[in-house]
Protein backbone atom coordinates (compact mmCIF):
# COMPACT_ATOMS: atom_id res chain seq x y z
CA MET A 1 79.73 30.24 50.44
CA LYS A 2 80.11 31.14 46.81
CA PRO A 3 80.60 34.68 45.53
CA PHE A 4 77.93 36.49 43.65
CA LYS A 5 79.99 36.48 40.44
CA ALA A 6 80.33 32.20 40.57
CA TYR A 7 75.99 32.04 40.96
CA LEU A 8 75.77 34.58 37.84
CA THR A 9 78.03 32.99 35.91
CA GLU A 10 76.43 29.35 36.73
CA SER A 11 72.88 30.61 36.20
CA HIS A 12 74.22 32.23 32.62
CA LYS A 13 72.24 30.91 29.70
CA THR A 14 72.78 30.89 26.05
CA TYR A 15 70.50 30.16 23.29
CA ASP A 16 72.31 28.28 20.31
CA PHE A 17 71.25 27.94 16.92
CA ARG A 18 72.54 26.38 13.72
CA ILE A 19 71.99 28.63 10.39
CA ARG A 20 72.08 27.55 6.95
CA LEU A 21 72.35 29.76 4.26
CA ALA A 22 72.19 28.83 0.71
CA CYS A 23 73.97 31.95 -0.91
CA GLU A 24 77.53 32.92 -1.61
CA LEU A 25 78.48 34.46 1.72
CA PRO A 26 81.51 37.00 1.16
CA ASP A 27 83.33 38.62 3.97
CA ASP A 28 81.16 41.80 3.98
CA LEU A 29 77.99 39.63 4.29
CA ILE A 30 79.56 37.63 7.67
CA SER A 31 80.19 40.86 9.05
CA LYS A 32 76.85 42.16 8.48
CA ILE A 33 75.04 38.99 9.86
CA LYS A 34 77.06 39.35 12.86
CA THR A 35 75.95 43.50 13.19
CA VAL A 36 72.39 42.05 12.85
CA LEU A 37 72.56 39.29 15.63
CA GLU A 38 73.46 41.69 18.13
CA ALA A 39 69.75 42.44 18.48
CA TYR A 40 70.12 39.69 20.38
CA LYS A 41 73.03 39.98 22.03
CA LEU A 42 75.60 37.79 19.96
CA ASP A 43 77.80 35.91 22.30
CA SER A 44 79.64 33.99 19.77
CA ILE A 45 79.43 32.91 16.12
CA SER A 46 81.50 30.13 14.27
CA LYS A 47 83.23 30.52 10.94
CA PRO A 48 81.21 29.42 8.04
CA LYS A 49 81.79 25.69 6.97
CA ARG A 50 80.90 25.37 3.27
CA LEU A 51 79.41 22.33 2.02
CA PRO A 52 79.94 20.51 -1.41
CA ILE A 53 77.45 21.67 -4.20
CA GLN A 54 74.75 19.23 -4.04
CA GLU A 55 70.92 18.77 -3.28
CA THR A 56 69.97 18.82 0.29
CA PRO A 57 66.14 18.29 1.91
CA GLU A 58 66.73 21.65 3.66
CA PHE A 59 66.18 23.71 0.47
CA PRO A 60 64.45 20.95 -1.84
CA ASN A 61 63.14 23.38 -4.45
CA MET A 62 66.48 24.82 -4.98
CA GLY A 63 68.52 21.88 -6.57
CA PRO A 64 72.10 21.58 -6.46
CA VAL A 65 73.17 24.35 -4.00
CA GLU A 66 76.26 25.34 -2.09
CA VAL A 67 75.22 25.68 1.63
CA SER A 68 77.15 27.17 4.47
CA ILE A 69 76.85 26.38 8.12
CA MET A 70 77.19 28.75 11.26
CA GLU A 71 77.05 28.09 14.51
CA ILE A 72 75.99 30.83 16.98
CA SER A 73 74.81 31.57 20.49
CA LEU A 74 72.96 34.46 21.84
CA ASN A 75 72.16 35.96 25.30
CA TYR A 76 68.56 37.14 24.99
CA PRO A 77 65.84 34.81 24.85
CA CYS A 78 64.57 34.18 20.86
CA ASN A 79 63.26 31.39 18.73
CA ASP A 80 64.69 30.32 15.72
CA GLU A 81 61.69 31.92 13.71
CA GLN A 82 62.57 34.84 15.19
CA VAL A 83 66.34 34.56 14.05
CA ARG A 84 65.40 33.60 10.83
CA THR A 85 63.42 36.70 9.97
CA LEU A 86 65.87 39.07 11.46
CA ILE A 87 68.11 37.80 9.50
CA ALA A 88 66.02 38.03 6.25
CA GLU A 89 64.96 41.62 6.80
CA ARG A 90 68.15 43.11 7.92
CA ALA A 91 70.86 41.42 6.42
CA GLY A 92 68.98 41.65 2.98
CA ILE A 93 68.63 37.59 2.53
CA ASN A 94 66.00 35.78 0.71
CA LEU A 95 63.92 34.00 3.32
CA ALA A 96 64.13 30.92 1.43
CA CYS A 97 67.75 30.71 1.73
CA ILE A 98 68.25 30.75 4.92
CA LYS A 99 67.10 27.64 7.57
CA VAL A 100 67.53 27.94 11.27
CA ASN A 101 66.82 25.34 13.95
CA PRO A 102 68.27 25.21 17.93
CA THR A 103 71.48 23.14 18.01
CA ASN A 104 69.90 20.71 20.57
CA SER A 105 67.08 19.98 18.61
CA PRO A 106 65.89 16.63 17.74
CA TYR A 107 66.65 17.13 13.77
CA GLU A 108 69.67 18.39 14.58
CA ALA A 109 70.33 15.07 16.55
CA ILE A 110 69.22 12.99 13.54
CA LEU A 111 71.93 14.93 11.01
CA ASP A 112 74.25 14.33 13.72
CA GLY A 113 73.20 10.61 14.04
CA THR A 114 73.07 10.82 17.90
CA GLU A 115 69.45 10.89 18.28
CA VAL A 116 68.46 8.13 20.99
CA SER A 117 64.85 6.83 20.07
CA ASN A 118 65.52 3.45 21.74
CA LEU A 119 65.07 2.84 25.86
CA GLY A 120 68.09 0.18 24.92
CA GLY A 121 70.10 2.90 23.37
CA LYS A 122 73.43 4.74 24.88
CA PRO A 123 73.68 8.34 24.87
CA GLY A 124 75.78 9.34 21.97
CA GLU A 125 75.00 6.27 19.99
CA SER A 126 73.55 6.29 16.79
CA VAL A 127 70.07 4.13 16.91
CA LEU A 128 70.99 2.85 13.39
CA LEU A 129 74.09 0.73 14.86
CA GLN A 130 72.12 -0.99 17.12
CA ASP A 131 71.38 -4.97 16.11
CA ASN A 132 68.18 -5.59 17.72
CA MET A 133 65.26 -2.78 18.68
CA GLU A 134 62.55 -4.32 21.12
CA ARG A 135 59.37 -2.45 21.46
CA GLU A 136 58.95 -1.89 25.00
CA ARG A 137 56.36 -4.24 26.74
CA PRO A 138 53.89 -3.15 29.16
CA GLY A 139 54.49 -3.62 32.65
CA LYS A 140 52.93 -5.95 35.28
CA GLY A 141 48.95 -5.38 35.55
CA GLU A 142 48.85 -3.62 32.13
CA GLU A 143 48.20 -6.32 29.46
CA ALA A 144 44.53 -5.89 30.06
CA LEU A 145 44.86 -2.26 28.79
CA VAL A 146 46.16 -3.33 25.29
CA GLY A 147 45.43 -6.17 22.77
CA SER A 148 43.12 -8.56 22.98
CA GLU A 149 43.26 -8.53 26.62
CA ARG A 150 41.27 -5.57 26.46
CA ILE A 151 37.78 -6.88 24.64
CA PRO A 152 36.57 -8.67 27.52
CA ASN A 153 36.91 -5.49 29.90
CA LEU A 154 35.77 -3.25 27.08
CA ILE A 155 32.19 -4.84 26.26
CA LYS A 156 31.78 -5.39 30.40
CA GLU A 157 32.13 -1.66 30.65
CA LEU A 158 29.86 -1.00 27.78
CA GLU A 159 27.24 -3.11 29.46
CA GLU A 160 27.33 -1.43 32.68
CA THR A 161 27.24 2.18 30.79
CA ARG A 162 23.95 1.02 29.06
CA LYS A 163 22.15 0.48 32.54
CA TYR A 164 22.17 4.54 32.57
CA GLU A 165 21.27 5.28 28.55
CA TYR A 166 17.67 5.60 29.06
CA PRO A 167 16.76 6.15 32.64
CA GLU A 168 12.74 5.30 33.54
CA VAL A 169 10.31 7.84 33.63
CA ALA A 170 8.74 9.21 36.78
CA GLY A 171 4.97 7.54 37.01
CA GLY A 172 6.09 4.69 34.29
CA LYS A 173 5.95 4.30 30.81
CA SER A 174 3.46 6.66 28.93
CA PRO A 175 0.84 4.91 26.65
CA VAL A 176 0.90 4.79 23.23
CA ALA A 177 -0.58 7.30 21.26
CA LYS A 178 -3.68 6.66 19.16
CA THR A 179 -4.12 7.78 15.60
CA THR A 180 -7.19 9.69 13.79
CA ASN A 181 -7.75 6.05 12.44
CA GLU A 182 -7.82 4.40 15.73
CA LEU A 183 -10.56 6.68 17.16
CA PRO A 184 -14.28 5.63 17.09
CA GLN A 185 -15.90 7.10 14.42
CA GLY A 186 -19.92 7.76 13.86
CA SER A 187 -21.95 5.23 11.64
CA ALA A 188 -24.69 7.04 10.21
CA SER A 189 -23.84 8.71 6.90
CA PRO A 190 -23.87 12.42 7.35
CA ILE A 191 -25.73 12.57 4.04
CA GLY A 192 -29.64 12.34 4.09
CA THR A 193 -29.46 11.27 7.81
CA HIS A 194 -30.24 14.38 9.62
CA LYS A 195 -33.38 16.51 8.11
CA ASN A 196 -34.36 20.42 8.84
CA LYS A 197 -37.81 20.31 10.91
CA ILE A 198 -40.11 22.34 8.83
CA ILE A 199 -42.28 24.75 10.89
CA ASN A 200 -46.11 24.18 9.80
CA PRO A 201 -47.58 27.92 9.64
CA ARG A 202 -51.10 27.11 10.71
CA GLY A 203 -49.94 25.80 13.92
CA MET A 204 -48.07 29.63 14.38
CA LYS A 205 -50.05 31.77 17.24
CA ALA A 206 -51.62 35.01 15.70
CA GLY A 207 -50.16 38.35 16.37
CA ASN A 208 -47.61 40.61 15.32
CA GLY A 209 -44.80 38.18 14.08
CA LYS A 210 -42.63 38.10 16.97
């Protein structure tokens, strides 16, 4: 049975990042960055590697600039944006001059030429070095789900769905409503057809007027 320290060592996880700084990096600033990173319990930090002064896609708006690269390992959980913000705020470096990426990120793999985006590629082999790159073909029975083979099945599905779009109302279809022009109209003119009855006073009974 393994001792407890062995299990603890195997379960130990570090959070590795690659830092790029587009600024002068004197020794006192490096020491300051180390102190700042202790907030995430710094495990290790590499010596800065200075690149030649040139334009770089990491800092597109700065023109030709000297970039220094450092690799760090932290023991506390964090992400690249947290590390970038921490260095900017506590080390006094402009945020636009700092780029932080996880060491094992796809972006770093592209820069290192170790990205494998084709299934036929070998681990650690650059995709650009492969002579032939073929797309993955659909498996058996999957041809009907893609391309022109999909069209007949799609039309059949639409016809089956159309049956349920307009269900018949209970009691059958409602009769078509009539407009006012279709309603029966009177044949007599409203003017001069109906006359008020005139009472003859001679035919009225005598009395008190009631």
